[in-house]
Protein backbone atom coordinates (compact mmCIF):
# COMPACT_ATOMS: atom_id res chain seq x y z
CA MET A 1 80.35 134.22 204.23
CA THR A 2 79.44 130.69 203.78
CA ARG A 3 81.09 128.01 205.74
CA ASN A 4 81.70 125.06 203.94
CA PRO A 5 79.74 122.19 204.96
CA ARG A 6 81.71 119.02 206.66
CA PRO A 7 82.34 116.22 203.50
CA PRO A 8 79.89 113.26 203.70
CA PRO A 9 81.53 110.04 205.79
CA ALA A 10 83.23 107.60 203.83
CA SER A 11 80.32 104.73 203.24
CA ALA A 12 81.16 102.00 200.90
CA THR A 13 78.43 98.79 200.19
CA VAL A 14 79.44 94.98 199.86
CA ASP A 15 77.69 92.02 198.66
CA ILE A 16 77.43 89.26 201.38
CA TRP A 17 75.83 86.00 201.17
CA VAL A 18 74.31 84.96 204.07
CA GLN A 19 74.21 81.36 205.75
CA PRO A 20 71.46 81.75 208.77
CA GLY A 21 70.98 79.52 211.37
CA ALA A 22 75.13 78.31 211.24
CA SER A 23 76.23 76.48 214.14
CA ARG A 24 78.49 79.60 214.75
CA GLN A 25 79.28 82.91 213.22
CA ARG A 26 82.22 83.44 211.02
CA ILE A 27 83.44 85.11 207.54
CA VAL A 28 83.55 81.52 205.45
CA GLY A 29 85.15 83.05 202.07
CA LEU A 30 83.76 83.84 199.03
CA HIS A 31 80.29 83.08 197.11
CA GLY A 32 80.87 83.89 193.49
CA ASP A 33 81.10 87.44 193.66
CA ALA A 34 80.00 88.11 197.42
CA VAL A 35 81.46 87.35 200.98
CA LYS A 36 80.01 84.29 202.68
CA ILE A 37 79.12 84.70 206.04
CA ALA A 38 77.61 82.45 208.60
CA VAL A 39 75.34 83.81 211.47
CA ALA A 40 74.07 81.56 214.40
CA ALA A 41 70.66 83.42 214.29
CA PRO A 42 67.56 82.29 212.79
CA PRO A 43 66.23 83.75 209.61
CA GLU A 44 63.22 84.73 211.13
CA LYS A 45 61.89 88.34 212.28
CA GLY A 46 65.36 89.94 211.10
CA ALA A 47 67.47 88.05 213.54
CA ALA A 48 70.14 87.15 210.82
CA ASN A 49 70.32 90.57 209.25
CA ARG A 50 70.99 91.98 212.90
CA ALA A 51 73.36 89.10 213.24
CA LEU A 52 74.85 90.33 210.24
CA GLU A 53 74.95 93.78 210.61
CA LYS A 54 76.53 93.38 214.09
CA LEU A 55 79.30 90.99 212.89
CA LEU A 56 80.33 93.81 210.02
CA ALA A 57 80.26 96.23 212.29
CA GLU A 58 82.86 94.62 214.69
CA GLU A 59 84.87 93.39 211.61
CA PHE A 60 85.32 97.22 210.60
CA GLY A 61 85.79 98.84 214.13
CA ILE A 62 82.32 100.85 213.41
CA ALA A 63 79.22 101.20 214.96
CA ALA A 64 76.41 98.83 214.68
CA ALA A 65 73.68 102.14 213.95
CA ALA A 66 76.63 102.68 210.72
CA VAL A 67 75.71 99.41 209.34
CA ALA A 68 72.79 98.28 207.43
CA VAL A 69 70.70 95.87 205.21
CA ILE A 70 70.31 97.84 202.02
CA ALA A 71 69.18 95.28 199.73
CA GLY A 72 67.99 91.42 200.23
CA GLY A 73 66.74 92.20 203.67
CA GLY A 74 63.90 88.82 203.04
CA SER A 75 67.06 86.30 200.76
CA ARG A 76 70.32 85.54 201.57
CA ARG A 77 72.59 87.54 199.24
CA LYS A 78 71.90 91.10 200.39
CA ARG A 79 73.85 94.55 199.78
CA VAL A 80 75.07 96.07 202.66
CA SER A 81 76.13 99.74 203.70
CA LEU A 82 79.02 100.66 205.75
CA GLU A 83 79.37 104.06 206.80
CA GLY A 84 82.61 105.35 207.63
CA VAL A 85 84.09 102.79 205.80
CA SER A 86 86.03 103.55 202.52
CA PRO A 87 85.09 101.26 198.98
CA ASP A 88 89.17 100.41 199.28
CA ARG A 89 89.02 99.38 202.41
CA VAL A 90 86.14 97.06 201.89
CA ARG A 91 87.42 96.01 198.47
CA ASP A 92 90.76 95.00 200.39
CA TRP A 93 88.96 93.23 203.16
CA ALA A 94 86.97 91.07 200.53
CA ALA A 95 89.95 90.37 198.87
CA ARG A 96 91.30 88.81 201.65
CA TRP A 97 88.45 86.12 201.73
CA LYS A 98 89.18 85.08 198.38
CA ILE A 99 92.64 83.06 199.88
CA LYS A 100 90.73 81.39 202.82
CA GLY A 101 87.51 80.59 201.35
């Protein structure tokens, strides 16, 4: 008898517009169809990407290793993968910033 493998954990992607070198790290609001996030790290040697991944891990309560920039590593517009986070949760989270942005 073959055991059924565990289903893969939920995962989602989110489009982010990053403002590197900001005076403080924060979620700013919407920038077009992306969530704008300011990070204090400079855009050098992946520092801003690592700061973004850490901020999103804290925001969603997941491990930093579960967050990865999967597109746009060298630009301000990025697509980020969030392992263990459902697409519905990401949509609800992004919708909150429409009001605050």
